[in-house]
Amino acid sequence: MSVARAQREIDSREFAEWMSYHQEVEPLGPVRADAAISILAHVLARCHGNKSSKPSDFMPTYEDERPSDAQLSAKMYALLGAPDFE
């Protein structure tokens, strides 16, 4: 459904109800998709002989991999062979 059609066919109250449903009752999105795929990967692993796996073994983890400014500065100084002046 296009945005224009949705604006013609539903009012703000119904839109708010759908948003609430999406957030509270049926939370969809990347986290939910990751959980579904991890369960599927777990089932496939068990079908192929890995009887000790758990769904959490296939759930990705997202950590902040961006280094801090201090870490970048230290790497830069190390690469250039310059003393660290901080």
PDB file of N, CA and C in Angstrom:
ATOM      1  N   MET A   1       0.851  -1.170   0.000  1.00  0.00           N
ATOM      2  CA  MET A   1       0.000   0.000   0.000  1.00  0.00           C
ATOM      3  C   MET A   1       0.898   1.235   0.000  1.00  0.00           C
ATOM      4  N   SER A   2       0.579   2.190  -0.840  1.00  0.00           N
ATOM      5  CA  SER A   2       1.368   3.420  -0.896  1.00  0.00           C
ATOM      6  C   SER A   2       1.021   4.320   0.281  1.00  0.00           C
ATOM      7  N   VAL A   3       1.880   5.274   0.558  1.00  0.00           N
ATOM      8  CA  VAL A   3       1.637   6.228   1.642  1.00  0.00           C
ATOM      9  C   VAL A   3       0.388   7.051   1.331  1.00  0.00           C
ATOM     10  N   ALA A   4       0.252   7.489   0.083  1.00  0.00           N
ATOM     11  CA  ALA A   4      -0.910   8.297  -0.292  1.00  0.00           C
ATOM     12  C   ALA A   4      -2.208   7.519  -0.073  1.00  0.00           C
ATOM     13  N   ARG A   5      -2.216   6.260  -0.450  1.00  0.00           N
ATOM     14  CA  ARG A   5      -3.419   5.445  -0.268  1.00  0.00           C
ATOM     15  C   ARG A   5      -3.710   5.244   1.214  1.00  0.00           C
ATOM     16  N   ALA A   6      -2.661   4.975   1.998  1.00  0.00           N
ATOM     17  CA  ALA A   6      -2.853   4.793   3.438  1.00  0.00           C
ATOM     18  C   ALA A   6      -3.418   6.057   4.068  1.00  0.00           C
ATOM     19  N   GLN A   7      -2.939   7.220   3.649  1.00  0.00           N
ATOM     20  CA  GLN A   7      -3.450   8.476   4.195  1.00  0.00           C
ATOM     21  C   GLN A   7      -4.917   8.689   3.821  1.00  0.00           C
ATOM     22  N   ARG A   8      -5.331   8.208   2.657  1.00  0.00           N
ATOM     23  CA  ARG A   8      -6.738   8.322   2.253  1.00  0.00           C
ATOM     24  C   ARG A   8      -7.628   7.351   3.013  1.00  0.00           C
ATOM     25  N   GLU A   9      -7.105   6.167   3.320  1.00  0.00           N
ATOM     26  CA  GLU A   9      -7.963   5.101   3.834  1.00  0.00           C
ATOM     27  C   GLU A   9      -7.985   4.944   5.356  1.00  0.00           C
ATOM     28  N   ILE A  10      -6.975   5.446   6.065  1.00  0.00           N
ATOM     29  CA  ILE A  10      -6.993   5.319   7.527  1.00  0.00           C
ATOM     30  C   ILE A  10      -6.787   6.684   8.175  1.00  0.00           C
ATOM     31  N   ASP A  11      -7.391   6.843   9.346  1.00  0.00           N
ATOM     32  CA  ASP A  11      -7.222   8.106  10.059  1.00  0.00           C
ATOM     33  C   ASP A  11      -6.099   7.983  11.080  1.00  0.00           C
ATOM     34  N   SER A  12      -5.790   9.069  11.767  1.00  0.00           N
ATOM     35  CA  SER A  12      -4.656   9.080  12.703  1.00  0.00           C
ATOM     36  C   SER A  12      -4.875   8.125  13.878  1.00  0.00           C
ATOM     37  N   ARG A  13      -6.130   7.968  14.307  1.00  0.00           N
ATOM     38  CA  ARG A  13      -6.419   7.047  15.415  1.00  0.00           C
ATOM     39  C   ARG A  13      -6.081   5.610  15.028  1.00  0.00           C
ATOM     40  N   GLU A  14      -6.511   5.182  13.837  1.00  0.00           N
ATOM     41  CA  GLU A  14      -6.216   3.824  13.385  1.00  0.00           C
ATOM     42  C   GLU A  14      -4.717   3.634  13.174  1.00  0.00           C
ATOM     43  N   PHE A  15      -4.065   4.672  12.647  1.00  0.00           N
ATOM     44  CA  PHE A  15      -2.616   4.597  12.450  1.00  0.00           C
ATOM     45  C   PHE A  15      -1.905   4.408  13.793  1.00  0.00           C
ATOM     46  N   ALA A  16      -2.345   5.150  14.812  1.00  0.00           N
ATOM     47  CA  ALA A  16      -1.764   5.020  16.151  1.00  0.00           C
ATOM     48  C   ALA A  16      -1.994   3.624  16.718  1.00  0.00           C
ATOM     49  N   GLU A  17      -3.168   3.052  16.451  1.00  0.00           N
ATOM     50  CA  GLU A  17      -3.447   1.690  16.913  1.00  0.00           C
ATOM     51  C   GLU A  17      -2.521   0.680  16.250  1.00  0.00           C
ATOM     52  N   TRP A  18      -2.294   0.835  14.945  1.00  0.00           N
ATOM     53  CA  TRP A  18      -1.381  -0.071  14.242  1.00  0.00           C
ATOM     54  C   TRP A  18       0.047   0.082  14.760  1.00  0.00           C
ATOM     55  N   MET A  19       0.470   1.315  15.035  1.00  0.00           N
ATOM     56  CA  MET A  19       1.814   1.517  15.587  1.00  0.00           C
ATOM     57  C   MET A  19       1.951   0.844  16.944  1.00  0.00           C
ATOM     58  N   SER A  20       0.929   0.986  17.778  1.00  0.00           N
ATOM     59  CA  SER A  20       0.944   0.349  19.092  1.00  0.00           C
ATOM     60  C   SER A  20       0.996  -1.165  18.958  1.00  0.00           C
ATOM     61  N   TYR A  21       0.185  -1.707  18.054  1.00  0.00           N
ATOM     62  CA  TYR A  21       0.192  -3.152  17.812  1.00  0.00           C
ATOM     63  C   TYR A  21       1.578  -3.608  17.379  1.00  0.00           C
ATOM     64  N   HIS A  22       2.168  -2.878  16.464  1.00  0.00           N
ATOM     65  CA  HIS A  22       3.492  -3.237  15.949  1.00  0.00           C
ATOM     66  C   HIS A  22       4.549  -3.215  17.056  1.00  0.00           C
ATOM     67  N   GLN A  23       4.473  -2.234  17.945  1.00  0.00           N
ATOM     68  CA  GLN A  23       5.486  -2.096  18.994  1.00  0.00           C
ATOM     69  C   GLN A  23       5.256  -3.034  20.179  1.00  0.00           C
ATOM     70  N   GLU A  24       4.005  -3.276  20.535  1.00  0.00           N
ATOM     71  CA  GLU A  24       3.716  -4.018  21.758  1.00  0.00           C
ATOM     72  C   GLU A  24       3.324  -5.479  21.531  1.00  0.00           C
ATOM     73  N   VAL A  25       2.465  -5.724  20.587  1.00  0.00           N
ATOM     74  CA  VAL A  25       1.901  -7.057  20.409  1.00  0.00           C
ATOM     75  C   VAL A  25       2.748  -7.907  19.469  1.00  0.00           C
ATOM     76  N   GLU A  26       3.130  -7.349  18.355  1.00  0.00           N
ATOM     77  CA  GLU A  26       3.854  -8.102  17.335  1.00  0.00           C
ATOM     78  C   GLU A  26       5.096  -7.323  16.910  1.00  0.00           C
ATOM     79  N   PRO A  27       6.115  -7.300  17.766  1.00  0.00           N
ATOM     80  CA  PRO A  27       7.311  -6.510  17.426  1.00  0.00           C
ATOM     81  C   PRO A  27       8.106  -7.155  16.291  1.00  0.00           C
ATOM     82  N   LEU A  28       8.014  -6.562  15.148  1.00  0.00           N
ATOM     83  CA  LEU A  28       8.743  -7.059  13.996  1.00  0.00           C
ATOM     84  C   LEU A  28      10.011  -6.230  13.834  1.00  0.00           C
ATOM     85  N   GLY A  29      10.875  -6.667  12.988  1.00  0.00           N
ATOM     86  CA  GLY A  29      12.068  -5.892  12.711  1.00  0.00           C
ATOM     87  C   GLY A  29      13.312  -6.735  12.768  1.00  0.00           C
ATOM     88  N   PRO A  30      14.472  -6.090  12.734  1.00  0.00           N
ATOM     89  CA  PRO A  30      15.736  -6.823  12.650  1.00  0.00           C
ATOM     90  C   PRO A  30      15.977  -7.807  13.787  1.00  0.00           C
ATOM     91  N   VAL A  31      15.643  -7.434  15.008  1.00  0.00           N
ATOM     92  CA  VAL A  31      15.888  -8.343  16.140  1.00  0.00           C
ATOM     93  C   VAL A  31      15.012  -9.576  16.012  1.00  0.00           C
ATOM     94  N   ARG A  32      13.764  -9.367  15.658  1.00  0.00           N
ATOM     95  CA  ARG A  32      12.844 -10.500  15.487  1.00  0.00           C
ATOM     96  C   ARG A  32      13.288 -11.381  14.327  1.00  0.00           C
ATOM     97  N   ALA A  33      13.753 -10.766  13.243  1.00  0.00           N
ATOM     98  CA  ALA A  33      14.235 -11.527  12.091  1.00  0.00           C
ATOM     99  C   ALA A  33      15.477 -12.325  12.466  1.00  0.00           C
ATOM    100  N   ASP A  34      16.382 -11.719  13.233  1.00  0.00           N
ATOM    101  CA  ASP A  34      17.578 -12.441  13.675  1.00  0.00           C
ATOM    102  C   ASP A  34      17.197 -13.659  14.506  1.00  0.00           C
ATOM    103  N   ALA A  35      16.203 -13.511  15.375  1.00  0.00           N
ATOM    104  CA  ALA A  35      15.764 -14.634  16.200  1.00  0.00           C
ATOM    105  C   ALA A  35      15.179 -15.742  15.334  1.00  0.00           C
ATOM    106  N   ALA A  36      14.363 -15.374  14.356  1.00  0.00           N
ATOM    107  CA  ALA A  36      13.752 -16.376  13.482  1.00  0.00           C
ATOM    108  C   ALA A  36      14.817 -17.126  12.675  1.00  0.00           C
ATOM    109  N   ILE A  37      15.776 -16.411  12.144  1.00  0.00           N
ATOM    110  CA  ILE A  37      16.830 -17.038  11.346  1.00  0.00           C
ATOM    111  C   ILE A  37      17.719 -17.913  12.228  1.00  0.00           C
ATOM    112  N   SER A  38      17.966 -17.492  13.470  1.00  0.00           N
ATOM    113  CA  SER A  38      18.804 -18.316  14.355  1.00  0.00           C
ATOM    114  C   SER A  38      18.104 -19.634  14.695  1.00  0.00           C
ATOM    115  N   ILE A  39      16.785 -19.598  14.847  1.00  0.00           N
ATOM    116  CA  ILE A  39      16.037 -20.831  15.096  1.00  0.00           C
ATOM    117  C   ILE A  39      16.110 -21.740  13.875  1.00  0.00           C
ATOM    118  N   LEU A  40      15.955 -21.166  12.700  1.00  0.00           N
ATOM    119  CA  LEU A  40      16.044 -21.947  11.469  1.00  0.00           C
ATOM    120  C   LEU A  40      17.438 -22.569  11.307  1.00  0.00           C
ATOM    121  N   ALA A  41      18.473 -21.789  11.567  1.00  0.00           N
ATOM    122  CA  ALA A  41      19.842 -22.322  11.471  1.00  0.00           C
ATOM    123  C   ALA A  41      20.061 -23.439  12.484  1.00  0.00           C
ATOM    124  N   HIS A  42      19.507 -23.284  13.670  1.00  0.00           N
ATOM    125  CA  HIS A  42      19.607 -24.320  14.712  1.00  0.00           C
ATOM    126  C   HIS A  42      18.947 -25.622  14.245  1.00  0.00           C
ATOM    127  N   VAL A  43      17.752 -25.510  13.677  1.00  0.00           N
ATOM    128  CA  VAL A  43      17.047 -26.700  13.184  1.00  0.00           C
ATOM    129  C   VAL A  43      17.860 -27.380  12.088  1.00  0.00           C
ATOM    130  N   LEU A  44      18.392 -26.595  11.156  1.00  0.00           N
ATOM    131  CA  LEU A  44      19.200 -27.182  10.085  1.00  0.00           C
ATOM    132  C   LEU A  44      20.451 -27.860  10.639  1.00  0.00           C
ATOM    133  N   ALA A  45      21.096 -27.243  11.613  1.00  0.00           N
ATOM    134  CA  ALA A  45      22.291 -27.847  12.206  1.00  0.00           C
ATOM    135  C   ALA A  45      21.937 -29.175  12.871  1.00  0.00           C
ATOM    136  N   ARG A  46      20.814 -29.222  13.584  1.00  0.00           N
ATOM    137  CA  ARG A  46      20.400 -30.476  14.230  1.00  0.00           C
ATOM    138  C   ARG A  46      20.043 -31.545  13.207  1.00  0.00           C
ATOM    139  N   CYS A  47      19.427 -31.132  12.100  1.00  0.00           N
ATOM    140  CA  CYS A  47      19.087 -32.098  11.038  1.00  0.00           C
ATOM    141  C   CYS A  47      20.335 -32.699  10.405  1.00  0.00           C
ATOM    142  N   HIS A  48      21.423 -31.940  10.446  1.00  0.00           N
ATOM    143  CA  HIS A  48      22.665 -32.404   9.827  1.00  0.00           C
ATOM    144  C   HIS A  48      23.657 -32.962  10.845  1.00  0.00           C
ATOM    145  N   GLY A  49      23.161 -33.320  12.018  1.00  0.00           N
ATOM    146  CA  GLY A  49      23.982 -34.065  12.955  1.00  0.00           C
ATOM    147  C   GLY A  49      24.518 -33.311  14.154  1.00  0.00           C
ATOM    148  N   ASN A  50      24.388 -32.005  14.218  1.00  0.00           N
ATOM    149  CA  ASN A  50      24.885 -31.250  15.366  1.00  0.00           C
ATOM    150  C   ASN A  50      23.801 -31.235  16.440  1.00  0.00           C
ATOM    151  N   LYS A  51      23.816 -32.254  17.299  1.00  0.00           N
ATOM    152  CA  LYS A  51      22.757 -32.413  18.306  1.00  0.00           C
ATOM    153  C   LYS A  51      22.969 -31.542  19.543  1.00  0.00           C
ATOM    154  N   SER A  52      24.117 -30.894  19.653  1.00  0.00           N
ATOM    155  CA  SER A  52      24.387 -30.106  20.859  1.00  0.00           C
ATOM    156  C   SER A  52      24.165 -28.608  20.653  1.00  0.00           C
ATOM    157  N   SER A  53      23.736 -28.197  19.459  1.00  0.00           N
ATOM    158  CA  SER A  53      23.578 -26.760  19.220  1.00  0.00           C
ATOM    159  C   SER A  53      22.328 -26.217  19.890  1.00  0.00           C
ATOM    160  N   LYS A  54      22.351 -24.912  20.135  1.00  0.00           N
ATOM    161  CA  LYS A  54      21.212 -24.185  20.691  1.00  0.00           C
ATOM    162  C   LYS A  54      20.903 -23.034  19.732  1.00  0.00           C
ATOM    163  N   PRO A  55      19.662 -22.535  19.689  1.00  0.00           N
ATOM    164  CA  PRO A  55      19.366 -21.396  18.817  1.00  0.00           C
ATOM    165  C   PRO A  55      20.266 -20.190  19.104  1.00  0.00           C
ATOM    166  N   SER A  56      20.620 -19.989  20.370  1.00  0.00           N
ATOM    167  CA  SER A  56      21.467 -18.838  20.714  1.00  0.00           C
ATOM    168  C   SER A  56      22.865 -18.931  20.100  1.00  0.00           C
ATOM    169  N   ASP A  57      23.295 -20.141  19.734  1.00  0.00           N
ATOM    170  CA  ASP A  57      24.592 -20.287  19.071  1.00  0.00           C
ATOM    171  C   ASP A  57      24.621 -19.581  17.724  1.00  0.00           C
ATOM    172  N   PHE A  58      23.449 -19.371  17.131  1.00  0.00           N
ATOM    173  CA  PHE A  58      23.355 -18.780  15.807  1.00  0.00           C
ATOM    174  C   PHE A  58      22.851 -17.342  15.832  1.00  0.00           C
ATOM    175  N   MET A  59      22.611 -16.811  17.024  1.00  0.00           N
ATOM    176  CA  MET A  59      22.110 -15.446  17.146  1.00  0.00           C
ATOM    177  C   MET A  59      23.280 -14.474  17.066  1.00  0.00           C
ATOM    178  N   PRO A  60      23.239 -13.532  16.121  1.00  0.00           N
ATOM    179  CA  PRO A  60      24.353 -12.595  16.013  1.00  0.00           C
ATOM    180  C   PRO A  60      24.384 -11.644  17.201  1.00  0.00           C
ATOM    181  N   THR A  61      25.560 -11.185  17.525  1.00  0.00           N
ATOM    182  CA  THR A  61      25.719 -10.172  18.565  1.00  0.00           C
ATOM    183  C   THR A  61      26.244  -8.917  17.903  1.00  0.00           C
ATOM    184  N   TYR A  62      25.763  -7.804  18.359  1.00  0.00           N
ATOM    185  CA  TYR A  62      26.179  -6.524  17.797  1.00  0.00           C
ATOM    186  C   TYR A  62      26.846  -5.720  18.897  1.00  0.00           C
ATOM    187  N   GLU A  63      28.115  -5.518  18.717  1.00  0.00           N
ATOM    188  CA  GLU A  63      28.871  -4.728  19.680  1.00  0.00           C
ATOM    189  C   GLU A  63      29.349  -3.466  18.984  1.00  0.00           C
ATOM    190  N   ASP A  64      29.590  -2.451  19.759  1.00  0.00           N
ATOM    191  CA  ASP A  64      30.114  -1.217  19.184  1.00  0.00           C
ATOM    192  C   ASP A  64      31.564  -1.461  18.801  1.00  0.00           C
ATOM    193  N   GLU A  65      31.794  -1.653  17.515  1.00  0.00           N
ATOM    194  CA  GLU A  65      33.135  -1.982  17.046  1.00  0.00           C
ATOM    195  C   GLU A  65      33.941  -0.740  16.683  1.00  0.00           C
ATOM    196  N   ARG A  66      33.335   0.424  16.798  1.00  0.00           N
ATOM    197  CA  ARG A  66      34.034   1.660  16.450  1.00  0.00           C
ATOM    198  C   ARG A  66      35.022   2.009  17.554  1.00  0.00           C
ATOM    199  N   PRO A  67      36.299   2.138  17.202  1.00  0.00           N
ATOM    200  CA  PRO A  67      37.279   2.486  18.220  1.00  0.00           C
ATOM    201  C   PRO A  67      37.113   3.931  18.682  1.00  0.00           C
ATOM    202  N   SER A  68      37.549   4.197  19.909  1.00  0.00           N
ATOM    203  CA  SER A  68      37.468   5.555  20.443  1.00  0.00           C
ATOM    204  C   SER A  68      38.504   6.437  19.758  1.00  0.00           C
ATOM    205  N   ASP A  69      38.377   7.732  19.937  1.00  0.00           N
ATOM    206  CA  ASP A  69      39.348   8.666  19.362  1.00  0.00           C
ATOM    207  C   ASP A  69      40.744   8.406  19.906  1.00  0.00           C
ATOM    208  N   ALA A  70      40.831   8.086  21.191  1.00  0.00           N
ATOM    209  CA  ALA A  70      42.130   7.814  21.807  1.00  0.00           C
ATOM    210  C   ALA A  70      42.768   6.565  21.192  1.00  0.00           C
ATOM    211  N   GLN A  71      41.946   5.536  20.945  1.00  0.00           N
ATOM    212  CA  GLN A  71      42.474   4.316  20.330  1.00  0.00           C
ATOM    213  C   GLN A  71      42.951   4.587  18.898  1.00  0.00           C
ATOM    214  N   LEU A  72      42.188   5.374  18.150  1.00  0.00           N
ATOM    215  CA  LEU A  72      42.601   5.720  16.788  1.00  0.00           C
ATOM    216  C   LEU A  72      43.897   6.522  16.795  1.00  0.00           C
ATOM    217  N   SER A  73      43.985   7.455  17.727  1.00  0.00           N
ATOM    218  CA  SER A  73      45.188   8.274  17.840  1.00  0.00           C
ATOM    219  C   SER A  73      46.407   7.416  18.170  1.00  0.00           C
ATOM    220  N   ALA A  74      46.256   6.495  19.102  1.00  0.00           N
ATOM    221  CA  ALA A  74      47.362   5.615  19.473  1.00  0.00           C
ATOM    222  C   ALA A  74      47.796   4.754  18.298  1.00  0.00           C
ATOM    223  N   LYS A  75      46.821   4.245  17.531  1.00  0.00           N
ATOM    224  CA  LYS A  75      47.170   3.442  16.353  1.00  0.00           C
ATOM    225  C   LYS A  75      47.901   4.285  15.311  1.00  0.00           C
ATOM    226  N   MET A  76      47.445   5.509  15.124  1.00  0.00           N
ATOM    227  CA  MET A  76      48.080   6.389  14.154  1.00  0.00           C
ATOM    228  C   MET A  76      49.535   6.656  14.542  1.00  0.00           C
ATOM    229  N   TYR A  77      49.743   6.994  15.820  1.00  0.00           N
ATOM    230  CA  TYR A  77      51.110   7.243  16.280  1.00  0.00           C
ATOM    231  C   TYR A  77      51.974   5.993  16.137  1.00  0.00           C
ATOM    232  N   ALA A  78      51.411   4.840  16.438  1.00  0.00           N
ATOM    233  CA  ALA A  78      52.171   3.594  16.319  1.00  0.00           C
ATOM    234  C   ALA A  78      52.522   3.313  14.865  1.00  0.00           C
ATOM    235  N   LEU A  79      51.604   3.532  13.961  1.00  0.00           N
ATOM    236  CA  LEU A  79      51.852   3.306  12.543  1.00  0.00           C
ATOM    237  C   LEU A  79      52.925   4.251  11.987  1.00  0.00           C
ATOM    238  N   LEU A  80      52.905   5.485  12.468  1.00  0.00           N
ATOM    239  CA  LEU A  80      53.850   6.499  11.978  1.00  0.00           C
ATOM    240  C   LEU A  80      55.186   6.438  12.708  1.00  0.00           C
ATOM    241  N   GLY A  81      55.242   5.676  13.763  1.00  0.00           N
ATOM    242  CA  GLY A  81      56.470   5.591  14.536  1.00  0.00           C
ATOM    243  C   GLY A  81      56.760   6.849  15.316  1.00  0.00           C
ATOM    244  N   ALA A  82      55.731   7.649  15.552  1.00  0.00           N
ATOM    245  CA  ALA A  82      55.892   8.903  16.286  1.00  0.00           C
ATOM    246  C   ALA A  82      55.543   8.688  17.762  1.00  0.00           C
ATOM    247  N   PRO A  83      56.128   9.495  18.632  1.00  0.00           N
ATOM    248  CA  PRO A  83      55.766   9.374  20.051  1.00  0.00           C
ATOM    249  C   PRO A  83      54.330   9.841  20.265  1.00  0.00           C
ATOM    250  N   ASP A  84      53.681   9.252  21.225  1.00  0.00           N
ATOM    251  CA  ASP A  84      52.310   9.622  21.558  1.00  0.00           C
ATOM    252  C   ASP A  84      52.357  10.826  22.488  1.00  0.00           C
ATOM    253  N   PHE A  85      51.857  11.956  22.036  1.00  0.00           N
ATOM    254  CA  PHE A  85      51.949  13.198  22.805  1.00  0.00           C
ATOM    255  C   PHE A  85      50.728  13.442  23.682  1.00  0.00           C
ATOM    256  N   GLU A  86      49.815  12.505  23.752  1.00  0.00           N
ATOM    257  CA  GLU A  86      48.607  12.730  24.562  1.00  0.00           C
ATOM    258  C   GLU A  86      48.807  12.266  25.964  1.00  0.00           C
TER     259      GLU A  86
END
